[in-house]
Every structure is written in C-alpha cells, then in structure tokens.
Amino acid sequence: MIMTPSIWQLLIVLVIVLLLFGRGKIPQLMGDMAKGIKSFKRGMTEEEKKEDTNIEKKTDEDK
C-alpha cells in the first residue's frame, strides 16, 4: 500500500530542516544545487555536440 505524506508530516520535516540548517543556509544550499544542475545540463549538451561531430566525421570518412 502506498502512503502519501500528510500536510502535518511535511510541516514537521520542514521545521526540522529549518532547525538543522537555519534560514541563512538554505538559500545557499539551493543556489549550490542550482549550479550543479546547470553544470550537469551543460555537460549533457556538450556531450551531445561531441557525438554529433563524431557522427558527421564518420559519415564523411565513409564517403
């Protein structure tokens, strides 16, 4: 059986997170997470470009 968290459970988790990290630390953590996501996406697009370039080189060599 799948149980979804109630609003009270979510509020308790939020309060615990605020107590552990404080109000000032959370925005910094979110900023670091956003930078990591942007870096990951940038790496994925660079990898796709490399693959496209390699495919073009192989088709040119086959001709």
PDB file of N, CA and C in Angstrom:
ATOM      1  N   MET A   1       0.840  -1.171   0.000  1.00  0.00           N
ATOM      2  CA  MET A   1       0.000   0.000   0.000  1.00  0.00           C
ATOM      3  C   MET A   1       0.893   1.244   0.000  1.00  0.00           C
ATOM      4  N   ILE A   2       0.610   2.177  -0.887  1.00  0.00           N
ATOM      5  CA  ILE A   2       1.382   3.410  -0.983  1.00  0.00           C
ATOM      6  C   ILE A   2       0.727   4.466  -0.105  1.00  0.00           C
ATOM      7  N   MET A   3       1.556   5.060   0.736  1.00  0.00           N
ATOM      8  CA  MET A   3       1.037   6.098   1.615  1.00  0.00           C
ATOM      9  C   MET A   3       1.653   7.429   1.215  1.00  0.00           C
ATOM     10  N   THR A   4       0.837   8.445   1.077  1.00  0.00           N
ATOM     11  CA  THR A   4       1.347   9.773   0.789  1.00  0.00           C
ATOM     12  C   THR A   4       1.455  10.561   2.079  1.00  0.00           C
ATOM     13  N   PRO A   5       2.473  11.393   2.198  1.00  0.00           N
ATOM     14  CA  PRO A   5       2.638  12.155   3.439  1.00  0.00           C
ATOM     15  C   PRO A   5       1.533  13.204   3.584  1.00  0.00           C
ATOM     16  N   SER A   6       1.096  13.378   4.804  1.00  0.00           N
ATOM     17  CA  SER A   6       0.064  14.385   5.081  1.00  0.00           C
ATOM     18  C   SER A   6       0.733  15.750   5.225  1.00  0.00           C
ATOM     19  N   ILE A   7      -0.068  16.777   5.300  1.00  0.00           N
ATOM     20  CA  ILE A   7       0.442  18.139   5.451  1.00  0.00           C
ATOM     21  C   ILE A   7       1.213  18.288   6.759  1.00  0.00           C
ATOM     22  N   TRP A   8       0.779  17.605   7.808  1.00  0.00           N
ATOM     23  CA  TRP A   8       1.461  17.696   9.099  1.00  0.00           C
ATOM     24  C   TRP A   8       2.840  17.058   9.042  1.00  0.00           C
ATOM     25  N   GLN A   9       2.957  15.954   8.340  1.00  0.00           N
ATOM     26  CA  GLN A   9       4.269  15.310   8.210  1.00  0.00           C
ATOM     27  C   GLN A   9       5.228  16.206   7.429  1.00  0.00           C
ATOM     28  N   LEU A  10       4.729  16.832   6.382  1.00  0.00           N
ATOM     29  CA  LEU A  10       5.567  17.743   5.613  1.00  0.00           C
ATOM     30  C   LEU A  10       5.995  18.952   6.432  1.00  0.00           C
ATOM     31  N   LEU A  11       5.090  19.482   7.241  1.00  0.00           N
ATOM     32  CA  LEU A  11       5.434  20.616   8.099  1.00  0.00           C
ATOM     33  C   LEU A  11       6.482  20.241   9.137  1.00  0.00           C
ATOM     34  N   ILE A  12       6.371  19.054   9.696  1.00  0.00           N
ATOM     35  CA  ILE A  12       7.370  18.595  10.676  1.00  0.00           C
ATOM     36  C   ILE A  12       8.743  18.474  10.025  1.00  0.00           C
ATOM     37  N   VAL A  13       8.780  17.921   8.840  1.00  0.00           N
ATOM     38  CA  VAL A  13      10.060  17.799   8.124  1.00  0.00           C
ATOM     39  C   VAL A  13      10.629  19.179   7.823  1.00  0.00           C
ATOM     40  N   LEU A  14       9.784  20.116   7.403  1.00  0.00           N
ATOM     41  CA  LEU A  14      10.227  21.475   7.122  1.00  0.00           C
ATOM     42  C   LEU A  14      10.806  22.143   8.359  1.00  0.00           C
ATOM     43  N   VAL A  15      10.149  21.983   9.499  1.00  0.00           N
ATOM     44  CA  VAL A  15      10.636  22.568  10.748  1.00  0.00           C
ATOM     45  C   VAL A  15      11.985  21.961  11.132  1.00  0.00           C
ATOM     46  N   ILE A  16      12.125  20.673  10.980  1.00  0.00           N
ATOM     47  CA  ILE A  16      13.397  20.013  11.317  1.00  0.00           C
ATOM     48  C   ILE A  16      14.515  20.522  10.411  1.00  0.00           C
ATOM     49  N   VAL A  17      14.239  20.659   9.127  1.00  0.00           N
ATOM     50  CA  VAL A  17      15.248  21.167   8.191  1.00  0.00           C
ATOM     51  C   VAL A  17      15.637  22.592   8.561  1.00  0.00           C
ATOM     52  N   LEU A  18      14.657  23.418   8.876  1.00  0.00           N
ATOM     53  CA  LEU A  18      14.962  24.794   9.285  1.00  0.00           C
ATOM     54  C   LEU A  18      15.799  24.831  10.554  1.00  0.00           C
ATOM     55  N   LEU A  19      15.509  23.960  11.502  1.00  0.00           N
ATOM     56  CA  LEU A  19      16.288  23.920  12.740  1.00  0.00           C
ATOM     57  C   LEU A  19      17.717  23.457  12.491  1.00  0.00           C
ATOM     58  N   LEU A  20      17.890  22.499  11.604  1.00  0.00           N
ATOM     59  CA  LEU A  20      19.226  21.967  11.339  1.00  0.00           C
ATOM     60  C   LEU A  20      20.096  22.954  10.563  1.00  0.00           C
ATOM     61  N   PHE A  21      19.532  23.564   9.543  1.00  0.00           N
ATOM     62  CA  PHE A  21      20.340  24.390   8.650  1.00  0.00           C
ATOM     63  C   PHE A  21      20.197  25.883   8.888  1.00  0.00           C
ATOM     64  N   GLY A  22      19.134  26.314   9.498  1.00  0.00           N
ATOM     65  CA  GLY A  22      18.912  27.746   9.707  1.00  0.00           C
ATOM     66  C   GLY A  22      18.402  28.410   8.435  1.00  0.00           C
ATOM     67  N   ARG A  23      17.854  29.613   8.602  1.00  0.00           N
ATOM     68  CA  ARG A  23      17.268  30.299   7.453  1.00  0.00           C
ATOM     69  C   ARG A  23      18.316  30.755   6.456  1.00  0.00           C
ATOM     70  N   GLY A  24      19.484  31.140   6.907  1.00  0.00           N
ATOM     71  CA  GLY A  24      20.515  31.665   6.011  1.00  0.00           C
ATOM     72  C   GLY A  24      21.184  30.596   5.167  1.00  0.00           C
ATOM     73  N   LYS A  25      21.243  29.398   5.675  1.00  0.00           N
ATOM     74  CA  LYS A  25      21.980  28.331   4.994  1.00  0.00           C
ATOM     75  C   LYS A  25      21.164  27.719   3.845  1.00  0.00           C
ATOM     76  N   ILE A  26      19.846  27.705   3.967  1.00  0.00           N
ATOM     77  CA  ILE A  26      19.004  27.050   2.961  1.00  0.00           C
ATOM     78  C   ILE A  26      19.127  27.706   1.582  1.00  0.00           C
ATOM     79  N   PRO A  27      19.059  29.048   1.462  1.00  0.00           N
ATOM     80  CA  PRO A  27      19.232  29.643   0.131  1.00  0.00           C
ATOM     81  C   PRO A  27      20.595  29.323  -0.488  1.00  0.00           C
ATOM     82  N   GLN A  28      21.609  29.265   0.349  1.00  0.00           N
ATOM     83  CA  GLN A  28      22.943  28.922  -0.150  1.00  0.00           C
ATOM     84  C   GLN A  28      22.961  27.487  -0.689  1.00  0.00           C
ATOM     85  N   LEU A  29      22.317  26.566   0.031  1.00  0.00           N
ATOM     86  CA  LEU A  29      22.249  25.183  -0.428  1.00  0.00           C
ATOM     87  C   LEU A  29      21.473  25.069  -1.738  1.00  0.00           C
ATOM     88  N   MET A  30      20.372  25.816  -1.847  1.00  0.00           N
ATOM     89  CA  MET A  30      19.573  25.795  -3.079  1.00  0.00           C
ATOM     90  C   MET A  30      20.368  26.385  -4.244  1.00  0.00           C
ATOM     91  N   GLY A  31      21.144  27.419  -3.973  1.00  0.00           N
ATOM     92  CA  GLY A  31      21.990  28.014  -5.016  1.00  0.00           C
ATOM     93  C   GLY A  31      23.039  27.035  -5.495  1.00  0.00           C
ATOM     94  N   ASP A  32      23.651  26.323  -4.571  1.00  0.00           N
ATOM     95  CA  ASP A  32      24.642  25.308  -4.938  1.00  0.00           C
ATOM     96  C   ASP A  32      24.001  24.192  -5.743  1.00  0.00           C
ATOM     97  N   MET A  33      22.783  23.806  -5.365  1.00  0.00           N
ATOM     98  CA  MET A  33      22.083  22.754  -6.100  1.00  0.00           C
ATOM     99  C   MET A  33      21.760  23.226  -7.520  1.00  0.00           C
ATOM    100  N   ALA A  34      21.342  24.478  -7.655  1.00  0.00           N
ATOM    101  CA  ALA A  34      21.036  25.026  -8.981  1.00  0.00           C
ATOM    102  C   ALA A  34      22.282  25.071  -9.853  1.00  0.00           C
ATOM    103  N   LYS A  35      23.413  25.440  -9.273  1.00  0.00           N
ATOM    104  CA  LYS A  35      24.672  25.450 -10.025  1.00  0.00           C
ATOM    105  C   LYS A  35      25.033  24.048 -10.498  1.00  0.00           C
ATOM    106  N   GLY A  36      24.816  23.064  -9.646  1.00  0.00           N
ATOM    107  CA  GLY A  36      25.100  21.683 -10.022  1.00  0.00           C
ATOM    108  C   GLY A  36      24.209  21.210 -11.155  1.00  0.00           C
ATOM    109  N   ILE A  37      22.945  21.569 -11.116  1.00  0.00           N
ATOM    110  CA  ILE A  37      22.014  21.175 -12.181  1.00  0.00           C
ATOM    111  C   ILE A  37      22.405  21.840 -13.490  1.00  0.00           C
ATOM    112  N   LYS A  38      22.754  23.130 -13.436  1.00  0.00           N
ATOM    113  CA  LYS A  38      23.167  23.846 -14.647  1.00  0.00           C
ATOM    114  C   LYS A  38      24.429  23.225 -15.231  1.00  0.00           C
ATOM    115  N   SER A  39      25.361  22.878 -14.373  1.00  0.00           N
ATOM    116  CA  SER A  39      26.605  22.253 -14.831  1.00  0.00           C
ATOM    117  C   SER A  39      26.326  20.900 -15.476  1.00  0.00           C
ATOM    118  N   PHE A  40      25.424  20.136 -14.893  1.00  0.00           N
ATOM    119  CA  PHE A  40      25.063  18.833 -15.446  1.00  0.00           C
ATOM    120  C   PHE A  40      24.432  18.995 -16.825  1.00  0.00           C
ATOM    121  N   LYS A  41      23.506  19.943 -16.963  1.00  0.00           N
ATOM    122  CA  LYS A  41      22.854  20.179 -18.251  1.00  0.00           C
ATOM    123  C   LYS A  41      23.871  20.636 -19.296  1.00  0.00           C
ATOM    124  N   ARG A  42      24.785  21.519 -18.898  1.00  0.00           N
ATOM    125  CA  ARG A  42      25.823  21.991 -19.812  1.00  0.00           C
ATOM    126  C   ARG A  42      26.690  20.825 -20.284  1.00  0.00           C
ATOM    127  N   GLY A  43      27.033  19.956 -19.375  1.00  0.00           N
ATOM    128  CA  GLY A  43      27.830  18.780 -19.732  1.00  0.00           C
ATOM    129  C   GLY A  43      27.086  17.856 -20.684  1.00  0.00           C
ATOM    130  N   MET A  44      25.790  17.710 -20.482  1.00  0.00           N
ATOM    131  CA  MET A  44      24.992  16.859 -21.375  1.00  0.00           C
ATOM    132  C   MET A  44      24.943  17.440 -22.779  1.00  0.00           C
ATOM    133  N   THR A  45      24.756  18.760 -22.909  1.00  0.00           N
ATOM    134  CA  THR A  45      24.690  19.364 -24.239  1.00  0.00           C
ATOM    135  C   THR A  45      26.051  19.300 -24.925  1.00  0.00           C
ATOM    136  N   GLU A  46      27.132  19.483 -24.170  1.00  0.00           N
ATOM    137  CA  GLU A  46      28.471  19.371 -24.754  1.00  0.00           C
ATOM    138  C   GLU A  46      28.714  17.946 -25.245  1.00  0.00           C
ATOM    139  N   GLU A  47      28.263  16.968 -24.491  1.00  0.00           N
ATOM    140  CA  GLU A  47      28.430  15.570 -24.891  1.00  0.00           C
ATOM    141  C   GLU A  47      27.641  15.286 -26.158  1.00  0.00           C
ATOM    142  N   GLU A  48      26.431  15.821 -26.259  1.00  0.00           N
ATOM    143  CA  GLU A  48      25.625  15.624 -27.461  1.00  0.00           C
ATOM    144  C   GLU A  48      26.300  16.257 -28.668  1.00  0.00           C
ATOM    145  N   LYS A  49      26.899  17.428 -28.484  1.00  0.00           N
ATOM    146  CA  LYS A  49      27.598  18.093 -29.589  1.00  0.00           C
ATOM    147  C   LYS A  49      28.786  17.260 -30.047  1.00  0.00           C
ATOM    148  N   LYS A  50      29.506  16.680 -29.089  1.00  0.00           N
ATOM    149  CA  LYS A  50      30.655  15.829 -29.440  1.00  0.00           C
ATOM    150  C   LYS A  50      30.201  14.614 -30.232  1.00  0.00           C
ATOM    151  N   GLU A  51      29.081  14.011 -29.801  1.00  0.00           N
ATOM    152  CA  GLU A  51      28.572  12.839 -30.506  1.00  0.00           C
ATOM    153  C   GLU A  51      28.145  13.208 -31.920  1.00  0.00           C
ATOM    154  N   ASP A  52      27.491  14.365 -32.079  1.00  0.00           N
ATOM    155  CA  ASP A  52      27.075  14.810 -33.409  1.00  0.00           C
ATOM    156  C   ASP A  52      28.285  15.036 -34.305  1.00  0.00           C
ATOM    157  N   THR A  53      29.337  15.636 -33.744  1.00  0.00           N
ATOM    158  CA  THR A  53      30.554  15.890 -34.510  1.00  0.00           C
ATOM    159  C   THR A  53      31.207  14.571 -34.915  1.00  0.00           C
ATOM    160  N   ASN A  54      31.257  13.611 -34.000  1.00  0.00           N
ATOM    161  CA  ASN A  54      31.846  12.314 -34.313  1.00  0.00           C
ATOM    162  C   ASN A  54      31.050  11.588 -35.392  1.00  0.00           C
ATOM    163  N   ILE A  55      29.736  11.683 -35.343  1.00  0.00           N
ATOM    164  CA  ILE A  55      28.894  11.033 -36.354  1.00  0.00           C
ATOM    165  C   ILE A  55      29.134  11.671 -37.718  1.00  0.00           C
ATOM    166  N   GLU A  56      29.244  13.012 -37.754  1.00  0.00           N
ATOM    167  CA  GLU A  56      29.496  13.705 -39.017  1.00  0.00           C
ATOM    168  C   GLU A  56      30.856  13.301 -39.577  1.00  0.00           C
ATOM    169  N   LYS A  57      31.867  13.183 -38.722  1.00  0.00           N
ATOM    170  CA  LYS A  57      33.196  12.787 -39.179  1.00  0.00           C
ATOM    171  C   LYS A  57      33.161  11.376 -39.757  1.00  0.00           C
ATOM    172  N   LYS A  58      32.446  10.474 -39.106  1.00  0.00           N
ATOM    173  CA  LYS A  58      32.378   9.084 -39.588  1.00  0.00           C
ATOM    174  C   LYS A  58      31.672   9.007 -40.934  1.00  0.00           C
ATOM    175  N   THR A  59      30.601   9.783 -41.110  1.00  0.00           N
ATOM    176  CA  THR A  59      29.885   9.740 -42.393  1.00  0.00           C
ATOM    177  C   THR A  59      30.736  10.360 -43.492  1.00  0.00           C
ATOM    178  N   ASP A  60      31.535  11.380 -43.159  1.00  0.00           N
ATOM    179  CA  ASP A  60      32.437  11.976 -44.153  1.00  0.00           C
ATOM    180  C   ASP A  60      33.528  10.985 -44.548  1.00  0.00           C
ATOM    181  N   GLU A  61      34.030  10.212 -43.589  1.00  0.00           N
ATOM    182  CA  GLU A  61      35.067   9.229 -43.880  1.00  0.00           C
ATOM    183  C   GLU A  61      34.527   8.090 -44.727  1.00  0.00           C
ATOM    184  N   ASP A  62      33.261   7.754 -44.547  1.00  0.00           N
ATOM    185  CA  ASP A  62      32.665   6.660 -45.295  1.00  0.00           C
ATOM    186  C   ASP A  62      32.473   7.017 -46.772  1.00  0.00           C
ATOM    187  N   LYS A  63      32.391   8.280 -47.095  1.00  0.00           N
ATOM    188  CA  LYS A  63      32.144   8.704 -48.480  1.00  0.00           C
ATOM    189  C   LYS A  63      33.320   8.542 -49.352  1.00  0.00           C
TER     190      LYS A  63
END
